[in-house]
Amino acid sequence: MDTALLLYTTFPDEAVGLEIGESLVRERLAACVNIIPGMRSVYAWNGAVERGAEAVGIIKTRGGLREAVAAALKARHPYETPIILFLSPSGADAATLSWLLAETGAGEPAG
């Protein structure tokens, strides 16, 4: 059986995060995308320390879609190098996992 997978990312703002998140859910690459606005970031980029406002994105998907969801996120993301960090939960409630797998097409024939 496939497992739950979380993908942590950031977006330049809430609107961009919601737009990309909706496309991932509609394509069944994610069961849910949480967008948390109002994050302030301090980061190193091209040899300088930068500050900026961002929105956090938490993408709920399954392990079998790891590469596909990462590729789709990169293709849509406005950042040159979007943050893509995979977080593997140590487990999931049975009902949560069942929902996640169903909403991302696990067990359905390809095509």
PDB file of N, CA and C in Angstrom:
ATOM      1  N   MET A   1       0.833  -1.182   0.000  1.00  0.00           N
ATOM      2  CA  MET A   1       0.000   0.000   0.000  1.00  0.00           C
ATOM      3  C   MET A   1       0.878   1.245   0.000  1.00  0.00           C
ATOM      4  N   ASP A   2       0.434   2.236  -0.730  1.00  0.00           N
ATOM      5  CA  ASP A   2       1.147   3.515  -0.791  1.00  0.00           C
ATOM      6  C   ASP A   2       1.067   4.212   0.561  1.00  0.00           C
ATOM      7  N   THR A   3       1.945   5.160   0.786  1.00  0.00           N
ATOM      8  CA  THR A   3       2.015   5.869   2.061  1.00  0.00           C
ATOM      9  C   THR A   3       1.731   7.352   1.866  1.00  0.00           C
ATOM     10  N   ALA A   4       1.411   8.015   2.958  1.00  0.00           N
ATOM     11  CA  ALA A   4       1.204   9.459   2.928  1.00  0.00           C
ATOM     12  C   ALA A   4       2.548  10.157   2.751  1.00  0.00           C
ATOM     13  N   LEU A   5       2.521  11.283   2.087  1.00  0.00           N
ATOM     14  CA  LEU A   5       3.716  12.098   1.895  1.00  0.00           C
ATOM     15  C   LEU A   5       3.304  13.560   1.961  1.00  0.00           C
ATOM     16  N   LEU A   6       4.085  14.346   2.681  1.00  0.00           N
ATOM     17  CA  LEU A   6       3.877  15.791   2.733  1.00  0.00           C
ATOM     18  C   LEU A   6       5.006  16.457   1.966  1.00  0.00           C
ATOM     19  N   LEU A   7       4.670  17.521   1.264  1.00  0.00           N
ATOM     20  CA  LEU A   7       5.673  18.309   0.569  1.00  0.00           C
ATOM     21  C   LEU A   7       5.559  19.728   1.109  1.00  0.00           C
ATOM     22  N   TYR A   8       6.666  20.232   1.655  1.00  0.00           N
ATOM     23  CA  TYR A   8       6.732  21.597   2.169  1.00  0.00           C
ATOM     24  C   TYR A   8       7.310  22.483   1.084  1.00  0.00           C
ATOM     25  N   THR A   9       6.659  23.624   0.861  1.00  0.00           N
ATOM     26  CA  THR A   9       7.155  24.584  -0.104  1.00  0.00           C
ATOM     27  C   THR A   9       6.768  25.983   0.344  1.00  0.00           C
ATOM     28  N   THR A  10       7.222  26.982  -0.379  1.00  0.00           N
ATOM     29  CA  THR A  10       6.820  28.360  -0.129  1.00  0.00           C
ATOM     30  C   THR A  10       6.405  28.994  -1.452  1.00  0.00           C
ATOM     31  N   PHE A  11       5.563  30.029  -1.345  1.00  0.00           N
ATOM     32  CA  PHE A  11       5.090  30.777  -2.502  1.00  0.00           C
ATOM     33  C   PHE A  11       5.299  32.263  -2.244  1.00  0.00           C
ATOM     34  N   PRO A  12       5.355  33.067  -3.295  1.00  0.00           N
ATOM     35  CA  PRO A  12       5.549  34.502  -3.084  1.00  0.00           C
ATOM     36  C   PRO A  12       4.362  35.171  -2.386  1.00  0.00           C
ATOM     37  N   ASP A  13       3.177  34.579  -2.536  1.00  0.00           N
ATOM     38  CA  ASP A  13       1.997  35.118  -1.864  1.00  0.00           C
ATOM     39  C   ASP A  13       0.876  34.083  -1.857  1.00  0.00           C
ATOM     40  N   GLU A  14      -0.184  34.413  -1.148  1.00  0.00           N
ATOM     41  CA  GLU A  14      -1.318  33.498  -0.988  1.00  0.00           C
ATOM     42  C   GLU A  14      -1.989  33.177  -2.323  1.00  0.00           C
ATOM     43  N   ALA A  15      -2.177  34.177  -3.161  1.00  0.00           N
ATOM     44  CA  ALA A  15      -2.873  33.974  -4.433  1.00  0.00           C
ATOM     45  C   ALA A  15      -2.150  32.960  -5.324  1.00  0.00           C
ATOM     46  N   VAL A  16      -0.847  33.084  -5.432  1.00  0.00           N
ATOM     47  CA  VAL A  16      -0.064  32.147  -6.243  1.00  0.00           C
ATOM     48  C   VAL A  16      -0.163  30.741  -5.645  1.00  0.00           C
ATOM     49  N   GLY A  17      -0.048  30.644  -4.330  1.00  0.00           N
ATOM     50  CA  GLY A  17      -0.154  29.348  -3.670  1.00  0.00           C
ATOM     51  C   GLY A  17      -1.501  28.688  -3.912  1.00  0.00           C
ATOM     52  N   LEU A  18      -2.576  29.467  -3.811  1.00  0.00           N
ATOM     53  CA  LEU A  18      -3.909  28.910  -4.043  1.00  0.00           C
ATOM     54  C   LEU A  18      -4.090  28.469  -5.488  1.00  0.00           C
ATOM     55  N   GLU A  19      -3.578  29.252  -6.424  1.00  0.00           N
ATOM     56  CA  GLU A  19      -3.698  28.901  -7.845  1.00  0.00           C
ATOM     57  C   GLU A  19      -2.952  27.592  -8.150  1.00  0.00           C
ATOM     58  N   ILE A  20      -1.719  27.502  -7.706  1.00  0.00           N
ATOM     59  CA  ILE A  20      -0.938  26.287  -7.944  1.00  0.00           C
ATOM     60  C   ILE A  20      -1.546  25.110  -7.176  1.00  0.00           C
ATOM     61  N   GLY A  21      -1.926  25.361  -5.928  1.00  0.00           N
ATOM     62  CA  GLY A  21      -2.528  24.300  -5.123  1.00  0.00           C
ATOM     63  C   GLY A  21      -3.779  23.735  -5.765  1.00  0.00           C
ATOM     64  N   GLU A  22      -4.632  24.609  -6.268  1.00  0.00           N
ATOM     65  CA  GLU A  22      -5.861  24.133  -6.909  1.00  0.00           C
ATOM     66  C   GLU A  22      -5.548  23.275  -8.136  1.00  0.00           C
ATOM     67  N   SER A  23      -4.547  23.669  -8.904  1.00  0.00           N
ATOM     68  CA  SER A  23      -4.201  22.867 -10.089  1.00  0.00           C
ATOM     69  C   SER A  23      -3.692  21.483  -9.688  1.00  0.00           C
ATOM     70  N   LEU A  24      -2.918  21.402  -8.601  1.00  0.00           N
ATOM     71  CA  LEU A  24      -2.423  20.093  -8.145  1.00  0.00           C
ATOM     72  C   LEU A  24      -3.561  19.204  -7.654  1.00  0.00           C
ATOM     73  N   VAL A  25      -4.538  19.798  -6.972  1.00  0.00           N
ATOM     74  CA  VAL A  25      -5.685  19.021  -6.484  1.00  0.00           C
ATOM     75  C   VAL A  25      -6.562  18.593  -7.658  1.00  0.00           C
ATOM     76  N   ARG A  26      -6.826  19.498  -8.590  1.00  0.00           N
ATOM     77  CA  ARG A  26      -7.660  19.148  -9.748  1.00  0.00           C
ATOM     78  C   ARG A  26      -7.041  18.026 -10.578  1.00  0.00           C
ATOM     79  N   GLU A  27      -5.713  17.994 -10.644  1.00  0.00           N
ATOM     80  CA  GLU A  27      -5.029  16.939 -11.400  1.00  0.00           C
ATOM     81  C   GLU A  27      -4.810  15.683 -10.574  1.00  0.00           C
ATOM     82  N   ARG A  28      -5.292  15.683  -9.346  1.00  0.00           N
ATOM     83  CA  ARG A  28      -5.220  14.543  -8.426  1.00  0.00           C
ATOM     84  C   ARG A  28      -3.777  14.190  -8.054  1.00  0.00           C
ATOM     85  N   LEU A  29      -2.904  15.190  -8.119  1.00  0.00           N
ATOM     86  CA  LEU A  29      -1.535  15.007  -7.653  1.00  0.00           C
ATOM     87  C   LEU A  29      -1.450  15.255  -6.152  1.00  0.00           C
ATOM     88  N   ALA A  30      -2.467  15.906  -5.616  1.00  0.00           N
ATOM     89  CA  ALA A  30      -2.553  16.176  -4.178  1.00  0.00           C
ATOM     90  C   ALA A  30      -3.999  16.036  -3.752  1.00  0.00           C
ATOM     91  N   ALA A  31      -4.196  15.588  -2.524  1.00  0.00           N
ATOM     92  CA  ALA A  31      -5.547  15.517  -1.970  1.00  0.00           C
ATOM     93  C   ALA A  31      -5.934  16.855  -1.365  1.00  0.00           C
ATOM     94  N   CYS A  32      -4.942  17.616  -0.908  1.00  0.00           N
ATOM     95  CA  CYS A  32      -5.175  18.889  -0.246  1.00  0.00           C
ATOM     96  C   CYS A  32      -3.882  19.694  -0.264  1.00  0.00           C
ATOM     97  N   VAL A  33      -4.019  21.003  -0.370  1.00  0.00           N
ATOM     98  CA  VAL A  33      -2.871  21.899  -0.263  1.00  0.00           C
ATOM     99  C   VAL A  33      -3.254  22.996   0.726  1.00  0.00           C
ATOM    100  N   ASN A  34      -2.498  23.107   1.803  1.00  0.00           N
ATOM    101  CA  ASN A  34      -2.719  24.170   2.779  1.00  0.00           C
ATOM    102  C   ASN A  34      -1.816  25.343   2.420  1.00  0.00           C
ATOM    103  N   ILE A  35      -2.395  26.534   2.363  1.00  0.00           N
ATOM    104  CA  ILE A  35      -1.640  27.751   2.116  1.00  0.00           C
ATOM    105  C   ILE A  35      -1.749  28.605   3.379  1.00  0.00           C
ATOM    106  N   ILE A  36      -0.611  28.927   3.952  1.00  0.00           N
ATOM    107  CA  ILE A  36      -0.557  29.701   5.186  1.00  0.00           C
ATOM    108  C   ILE A  36       0.140  31.026   4.872  1.00  0.00           C
ATOM    109  N   PRO A  37      -0.632  32.111   4.736  1.00  0.00           N
ATOM    110  CA  PRO A  37      -0.029  33.406   4.398  1.00  0.00           C
ATOM    111  C   PRO A  37       0.635  34.056   5.605  1.00  0.00           C
ATOM    112  N   GLY A  38       1.403  35.089   5.310  1.00  0.00           N
ATOM    113  CA  GLY A  38       1.953  35.919   6.374  1.00  0.00           C
ATOM    114  C   GLY A  38       3.303  35.487   6.916  1.00  0.00           C
ATOM    115  N   MET A  39       3.966  34.551   6.271  1.00  0.00           N
ATOM    116  CA  MET A  39       5.282  34.125   6.738  1.00  0.00           C
ATOM    117  C   MET A  39       6.322  35.164   6.329  1.00  0.00           C
ATOM    118  N   ARG A  40       7.250  35.435   7.199  1.00  0.00           N
ATOM    119  CA  ARG A  40       8.399  36.290   6.903  1.00  0.00           C
ATOM    120  C   ARG A  40       9.616  35.384   6.806  1.00  0.00           C
ATOM    121  N   SER A  41      10.421  35.570   5.794  1.00  0.00           N
ATOM    122  CA  SER A  41      11.584  34.716   5.566  1.00  0.00           C
ATOM    123  C   SER A  41      12.874  35.522   5.571  1.00  0.00           C
ATOM    124  N   VAL A  42      13.925  34.912   6.084  1.00  0.00           N
ATOM    125  CA  VAL A  42      15.297  35.404   5.969  1.00  0.00           C
ATOM    126  C   VAL A  42      16.064  34.239   5.353  1.00  0.00           C
ATOM    127  N   TYR A  43      16.707  34.470   4.222  1.00  0.00           N
ATOM    128  CA  TYR A  43      17.340  33.357   3.512  1.00  0.00           C
ATOM    129  C   TYR A  43      18.580  33.814   2.759  1.00  0.00           C
ATOM    130  N   ALA A  44      19.438  32.857   2.493  1.00  0.00           N
ATOM    131  CA  ALA A  44      20.632  33.106   1.695  1.00  0.00           C
ATOM    132  C   ALA A  44      20.296  32.826   0.236  1.00  0.00           C
ATOM    133  N   TRP A  45      20.672  33.755  -0.647  1.00  0.00           N
ATOM    134  CA  TRP A  45      20.412  33.562  -2.069  1.00  0.00           C
ATOM    135  C   TRP A  45      21.480  34.284  -2.867  1.00  0.00           C
ATOM    136  N   ASN A  46      22.201  33.534  -3.678  1.00  0.00           N
ATOM    137  CA  ASN A  46      23.247  34.088  -4.548  1.00  0.00           C
ATOM    138  C   ASN A  46      24.257  34.935  -3.775  1.00  0.00           C
ATOM    139  N   GLY A  47      24.672  34.441  -2.636  1.00  0.00           N
ATOM    140  CA  GLY A  47      25.705  35.094  -1.858  1.00  0.00           C
ATOM    141  C   GLY A  47      25.250  36.243  -0.980  1.00  0.00           C
ATOM    142  N   ALA A  48      23.968  36.514  -0.948  1.00  0.00           N
ATOM    143  CA  ALA A  48      23.445  37.613  -0.129  1.00  0.00           C
ATOM    144  C   ALA A  48      22.386  37.079   0.840  1.00  0.00           C
ATOM    145  N   VAL A  49      22.178  37.813   1.906  1.00  0.00           N
ATOM    146  CA  VAL A  49      21.103  37.491   2.843  1.00  0.00           C
ATOM    147  C   VAL A  49      19.912  38.372   2.486  1.00  0.00           C
ATOM    148  N   GLU A  50      18.794  37.725   2.220  1.00  0.00           N
ATOM    149  CA  GLU A  50      17.584  38.412   1.778  1.00  0.00           C
ATOM    150  C   GLU A  50      16.486  38.274   2.827  1.00  0.00           C
ATOM    151  N   ARG A  51      15.504  39.144   2.747  1.00  0.00           N
ATOM    152  CA  ARG A  51      14.290  39.054   3.555  1.00  0.00           C
ATOM    153  C   ARG A  51      13.103  39.179   2.620  1.00  0.00           C
ATOM    154  N   GLY A  52      12.023  38.521   2.978  1.00  0.00           N
ATOM    155  CA  GLY A  52      10.831  38.636   2.149  1.00  0.00           C
ATOM    156  C   GLY A  52       9.605  38.092   2.841  1.00  0.00           C
ATOM    157  N   ALA A  53       8.471  38.436   2.282  1.00  0.00           N
ATOM    158  CA  ALA A  53       7.189  37.894   2.730  1.00  0.00           C
ATOM    159  C   ALA A  53       6.825  36.735   1.806  1.00  0.00           C
ATOM    160  N   GLU A  54       6.336  35.661   2.378  1.00  0.00           N
ATOM    161  CA  GLU A  54       5.954  34.485   1.597  1.00  0.00           C
ATOM    162  C   GLU A  54       4.711  33.853   2.214  1.00  0.00           C
ATOM    163  N   ALA A  55       4.230  32.828   1.560  1.00  0.00           N
ATOM    164  CA  ALA A  55       3.168  31.979   2.086  1.00  0.00           C
ATOM    165  C   ALA A  55       3.696  30.552   2.109  1.00  0.00           C
ATOM    166  N   VAL A  56       3.430  29.844   3.178  1.00  0.00           N
ATOM    167  CA  VAL A  56       3.833  28.435   3.304  1.00  0.00           C
ATOM    168  C   VAL A  56       2.834  27.573   2.538  1.00  0.00           C
ATOM    169  N   GLY A  57       3.337  26.561   1.869  1.00  0.00           N
ATOM    170  CA  GLY A  57       2.481  25.571   1.226  1.00  0.00           C
ATOM    171  C   GLY A  57       2.803  24.194   1.773  1.00  0.00           C
ATOM    172  N   ILE A  58       1.771  23.483   2.218  1.00  0.00           N
ATOM    173  CA  ILE A  58       1.922  22.098   2.662  1.00  0.00           C
ATOM    174  C   ILE A  58       1.035  21.254   1.754  1.00  0.00           C
ATOM    175  N   ILE A  59       1.667  20.423   0.970  1.00  0.00           N
ATOM    176  CA  ILE A  59       0.970  19.608  -0.016  1.00  0.00           C
ATOM    177  C   ILE A  59       0.834  18.190   0.529  1.00  0.00           C
ATOM    178  N   LYS A  60      -0.410  17.707   0.607  1.00  0.00           N
ATOM    179  CA  LYS A  60      -0.684  16.353   1.088  1.00  0.00           C
ATOM    180  C   LYS A  60      -0.903  15.455  -0.115  1.00  0.00           C
ATOM    181  N   THR A  61      -0.005  14.485  -0.270  1.00  0.00           N
ATOM    182  CA  THR A  61      -0.052  13.587  -1.411  1.00  0.00           C
ATOM    183  C   THR A  61       0.331  12.189  -0.946  1.00  0.00           C
ATOM    184  N   ARG A  62       0.708  11.334  -1.881  1.00  0.00           N
ATOM    185  CA  ARG A  62       1.147   9.974  -1.535  1.00  0.00           C
ATOM    186  C   ARG A  62       2.518   9.718  -2.131  1.00  0.00           C
ATOM    187  N   GLY A  63       3.229   8.796  -1.514  1.00  0.00           N
ATOM    188  CA  GLY A  63       4.596   8.504  -1.911  1.00  0.00           C
ATOM    189  C   GLY A  63       4.761   8.181  -3.384  1.00  0.00           C
ATOM    190  N   GLY A  64       3.799   7.487  -3.956  1.00  0.00           N
ATOM    191  CA  GLY A  64       3.877   7.104  -5.358  1.00  0.00           C
ATOM    192  C   GLY A  64       3.834   8.272  -6.328  1.00  0.00           C
ATOM    193  N   LEU A  65       3.422   9.439  -5.844  1.00  0.00           N
ATOM    194  CA  LEU A  65       3.347  10.624  -6.695  1.00  0.00           C
ATOM    195  C   LEU A  65       4.491  11.597  -6.456  1.00  0.00           C
ATOM    196  N   ARG A  66       5.468  11.180  -5.689  1.00  0.00           N
ATOM    197  CA  ARG A  66       6.575  12.055  -5.289  1.00  0.00           C
ATOM    198  C   ARG A  66       7.196  12.817  -6.457  1.00  0.00           C
ATOM    199  N   GLU A  67       7.637  12.128  -7.463  1.00  0.00           N
ATOM    200  CA  GLU A  67       8.308  12.769  -8.599  1.00  0.00           C
ATOM    201  C   GLU A  67       7.329  13.572  -9.445  1.00  0.00           C
ATOM    202  N   ALA A  68       6.124  13.061  -9.636  1.00  0.00           N
ATOM    203  CA  ALA A  68       5.132  13.753 -10.465  1.00  0.00           C
ATOM    204  C   ALA A  68       4.699  15.072  -9.836  1.00  0.00           C
ATOM    205  N   VAL A  69       4.456  15.078  -8.534  1.00  0.00           N
ATOM    206  CA  VAL A  69       4.031  16.316  -7.876  1.00  0.00           C
ATOM    207  C   VAL A  69       5.180  17.323  -7.835  1.00  0.00           C
ATOM    208  N   ALA A  70       6.391  16.866  -7.643  1.00  0.00           N
ATOM    209  CA  ALA A  70       7.550  17.768  -7.652  1.00  0.00           C
ATOM    210  C   ALA A  70       7.717  18.395  -9.033  1.00  0.00           C
ATOM    211  N   ALA A  71       7.592  17.603 -10.085  1.00  0.00           N
ATOM    212  CA  ALA A  71       7.729  18.125 -11.454  1.00  0.00           C
ATOM    213  C   ALA A  71       6.622  19.124 -11.771  1.00  0.00           C
ATOM    214  N   ALA A  72       5.401  18.830 -11.366  1.00  0.00           N
ATOM    215  CA  ALA A  72       4.279  19.734 -11.614  1.00  0.00           C
ATOM    216  C   ALA A  72       4.457  21.045 -10.846  1.00  0.00           C
ATOM    217  N   LEU A  73       4.939  20.963  -9.618  1.00  0.00           N
ATOM    218  CA  LEU A  73       5.177  22.161  -8.821  1.00  0.00           C
ATOM    219  C   LEU A  73       6.262  23.025  -9.469  1.00  0.00           C
ATOM    220  N   LYS A  74       7.362  22.405  -9.864  1.00  0.00           N
ATOM    221  CA  LYS A  74       8.446  23.156 -10.523  1.00  0.00           C
ATOM    222  C   LYS A  74       7.974  23.832 -11.810  1.00  0.00           C
ATOM    223  N   ALA A  75       7.152  23.139 -12.573  1.00  0.00           N
ATOM    224  CA  ALA A  75       6.676  23.683 -13.847  1.00  0.00           C
ATOM    225  C   ALA A  75       5.783  24.905 -13.667  1.00  0.00           C
ATOM    226  N   ARG A  76       5.081  24.986 -12.537  1.00  0.00           N
ATOM    227  CA  ARG A  76       4.136  26.082 -12.302  1.00  0.00           C
ATOM    228  C   ARG A  76       4.694  27.194 -11.425  1.00  0.00           C
ATOM    229  N   HIS A  77       5.751  26.912 -10.712  1.00  0.00           N
ATOM    230  CA  HIS A  77       6.234  27.815  -9.666  1.00  0.00           C
ATOM    231  C   HIS A  77       6.979  29.010 -10.260  1.00  0.00           C
ATOM    232  N   PRO A  78       6.730  30.222  -9.731  1.00  0.00           N
ATOM    233  CA  PRO A  78       7.426  31.394 -10.266  1.00  0.00           C
ATOM    234  C   PRO A  78       8.877  31.535  -9.802  1.00  0.00           C
ATOM    235  N   TYR A  79       9.275  30.827  -8.735  1.00  0.00           N
ATOM    236  CA  TYR A  79      10.652  30.935  -8.255  1.00  0.00           C
ATOM    237  C   TYR A  79      11.606  30.155  -9.151  1.00  0.00           C
ATOM    238  N   GLU A  80      12.798  30.684  -9.312  1.00  0.00           N
ATOM    239  CA  GLU A  80      13.846  29.994 -10.070  1.00  0.00           C
ATOM    240  C   GLU A  80      14.162  28.641  -9.433  1.00  0.00           C
ATOM    241  N   THR A  81      14.239  28.611  -8.129  1.00  0.00           N
ATOM    242  CA  THR A  81      14.512  27.378  -7.383  1.00  0.00           C
ATOM    243  C   THR A  81      13.491  27.256  -6.254  1.00  0.00           C
ATOM    244  N   PRO A  82      12.323  26.682  -6.542  1.00  0.00           N
ATOM    245  CA  PRO A  82      11.338  26.546  -5.472  1.00  0.00           C
ATOM    246  C   PRO A  82      11.812  25.553  -4.411  1.00  0.00           C
ATOM    247  N   ILE A  83      11.424  25.827  -3.180  1.00  0.00           N
ATOM    248  CA  ILE A  83      11.737  24.904  -2.090  1.00  0.00           C
ATOM    249  C   ILE A  83      10.830  23.696  -2.212  1.00  0.00           C
ATOM    250  N   ILE A  84      11.411  22.516  -2.263  1.00  0.00           N
ATOM    251  CA  ILE A  84      10.661  21.265  -2.296  1.00  0.00           C
ATOM    252  C   ILE A  84      11.309  20.335  -1.289  1.00  0.00           C
ATOM    253  N   LEU A  85      10.645  20.192  -0.159  1.00  0.00           N
ATOM    254  CA  LEU A  85      11.132  19.305   0.897  1.00  0.00           C
ATOM    255  C   LEU A  85      10.079  18.241   1.160  1.00  0.00           C
ATOM    256  N   PHE A  86      10.467  16.987   1.014  1.00  0.00           N
ATOM    257  CA  PHE A  86       9.551  15.883   1.270  1.00  0.00           C
ATOM    258  C   PHE A  86       9.621  15.503   2.738  1.00  0.00           C
ATOM    259  N   LEU A  87       8.470  15.385   3.357  1.00  0.00           N
ATOM    260  CA  LEU A  87       8.363  14.976   4.754  1.00  0.00           C
ATOM    261  C   LEU A  87       7.550  13.694   4.803  1.00  0.00           C
ATOM    262  N   SER A  88       8.146  12.636   5.302  1.00  0.00           N
ATOM    263  CA  SER A  88       7.462  11.354   5.384  1.00  0.00           C
ATOM    264  C   SER A  88       6.907  11.153   6.788  1.00  0.00           C
ATOM    265  N   PRO A  89       5.586  11.222   6.935  1.00  0.00           N
ATOM    266  CA  PRO A  89       4.997  10.993   8.250  1.00  0.00           C
ATOM    267  C   PRO A  89       5.319   9.585   8.746  1.00  0.00           C
ATOM    268  N   SER A  90       5.424   9.435  10.052  1.00  0.00           N
ATOM    269  CA  SER A  90       5.702   8.105  10.607  1.00  0.00           C
ATOM    270  C   SER A  90       4.473   7.218  10.536  1.00  0.00           C
ATOM    271  N   GLY A  91       3.341   7.792  10.247  1.00  0.00           N
ATOM    272  CA  GLY A  91       2.105   7.034  10.124  1.00  0.00           C
ATOM    273  C   GLY A  91       0.971   7.978   9.791  1.00  0.00           C
ATOM    274  N   ALA A  92      -0.216   7.417   9.637  1.00  0.00           N
ATOM    275  CA  ALA A  92      -1.403   8.222   9.354  1.00  0.00           C
ATOM    276  C   ALA A  92      -2.615   7.496   9.897  1.00  0.00           C
ATOM    277  N   ASP A  93      -3.574   8.261  10.352  1.00  0.00           N
ATOM    278  CA  ASP A  93      -4.849   7.685  10.748  1.00  0.00           C
ATOM    279  C   ASP A  93      -5.423   6.939   9.543  1.00  0.00           C
ATOM    280  N   ALA A  94      -6.032   5.806   9.764  1.00  0.00           N
ATOM    281  CA  ALA A  94      -6.525   4.968   8.671  1.00  0.00           C
ATOM    282  C   ALA A  94      -7.512   5.713   7.781  1.00  0.00           C
ATOM    283  N   ALA A  95      -8.408   6.489   8.369  1.00  0.00           N
ATOM    284  CA  ALA A  95      -9.390   7.229   7.575  1.00  0.00           C
ATOM    285  C   ALA A  95      -8.707   8.324   6.762  1.00  0.00           C
ATOM    286  N   THR A  96      -7.726   8.983   7.349  1.00  0.00           N
ATOM    287  CA  THR A  96      -6.984  10.035   6.631  1.00  0.00           C
ATOM    288  C   THR A  96      -6.243   9.430   5.443  1.00  0.00           C
ATOM    289  N   LEU A  97      -5.562   8.325   5.665  1.00  0.00           N
ATOM    290  CA  LEU A  97      -4.814   7.684   4.585  1.00  0.00           C
ATOM    291  C   LEU A  97      -5.752   7.204   3.482  1.00  0.00           C
ATOM    292  N   SER A  98      -6.886   6.641   3.858  1.00  0.00           N
ATOM    293  CA  SER A  98      -7.855   6.171   2.873  1.00  0.00           C
ATOM    294  C   SER A  98      -8.345   7.326   2.001  1.00  0.00           C
ATOM    295  N   TRP A  99      -8.656   8.466   2.637  1.00  0.00           N
ATOM    296  CA  TRP A  99      -9.092   9.654   1.896  1.00  0.00           C
ATOM    297  C   TRP A  99      -7.988  10.139   0.960  1.00  0.00           C
ATOM    298  N   LEU A 100      -6.776  10.237   1.470  1.00  0.00           N
ATOM    299  CA  LEU A 100      -5.657  10.735   0.687  1.00  0.00           C
ATOM    300  C   LEU A 100      -5.415   9.854  -0.536  1.00  0.00           C
ATOM    301  N   LEU A 101      -5.423   8.560  -0.345  1.00  0.00           N
ATOM    302  CA  LEU A 101      -5.197   7.633  -1.461  1.00  0.00           C
ATOM    303  C   LEU A 101      -6.327   7.715  -2.479  1.00  0.00           C
ATOM    304  N   ALA A 102      -7.575   7.784  -1.998  1.00  0.00           N
ATOM    305  CA  ALA A 102      -8.721   7.858  -2.906  1.00  0.00           C
ATOM    306  C   ALA A 102      -8.689   9.141  -3.734  1.00  0.00           C
ATOM    307  N   GLU A 103      -8.355  10.255  -3.115  1.00  0.00           N
ATOM    308  CA  GLU A 103      -8.376  11.543  -3.812  1.00  0.00           C
ATOM    309  C   GLU A 103      -7.200  11.737  -4.760  1.00  0.00           C
ATOM    310  N   THR A 104      -6.179  10.921  -4.643  1.00  0.00           N
ATOM    311  CA  THR A 104      -5.031  11.014  -5.556  1.00  0.00           C
ATOM    312  C   THR A 104      -4.987   9.835  -6.525  1.00  0.00           C
ATOM    313  N   GLY A 105      -6.088   9.109  -6.623  1.00  0.00           N
ATOM    314  CA  GLY A 105      -6.199   8.076  -7.640  1.00  0.00           C
ATOM    315  C   GLY A 105      -5.453   6.791  -7.380  1.00  0.00           C
ATOM    316  N   ALA A 106      -5.063   6.513  -6.144  1.00  0.00           N
ATOM    317  CA  ALA A 106      -4.351   5.253  -5.852  1.00  0.00           C
ATOM    318  C   ALA A 106      -5.258   4.080  -6.168  1.00  0.00           C
ATOM    319  N   GLY A 107      -4.692   3.107  -6.812  1.00  0.00           N
ATOM    320  CA  GLY A 107      -5.450   1.893  -7.122  1.00  0.00           C
ATOM    321  C   GLY A 107      -6.266   1.971  -8.384  1.00  0.00           C
ATOM    322  N   GLU A 108      -6.284   3.131  -9.052  1.00  0.00           N
ATOM    323  CA  GLU A 108      -7.035   3.249 -10.295  1.00  0.00           C
ATOM    324  C   GLU A 108      -6.140   2.853 -11.473  1.00  0.00           C
ATOM    325  N   PRO A 109      -6.739   2.297 -12.493  1.00  0.00           N
ATOM    326  CA  PRO A 109      -5.946   1.950 -13.671  1.00  0.00           C
ATOM    327  C   PRO A 109      -5.333   3.190 -14.314  1.00  0.00           C
ATOM    328  N   ALA A 110      -4.163   3.033 -14.849  1.00  0.00           N
ATOM    329  CA  ALA A 110      -3.481   4.153 -15.519  1.00  0.00           C
ATOM    330  C   ALA A 110      -4.214   4.492 -16.801  1.00  0.00           C
ATOM    331  N   GLY A 111      -4.166   5.771 -17.169  1.00  0.00           N
ATOM    332  CA  GLY A 111      -4.756   6.170 -18.431  1.00  0.00           C
ATOM    333  C   GLY A 111      -5.734   7.198 -18.238  1.00  0.00           C
TER     334      GLY A 111
END
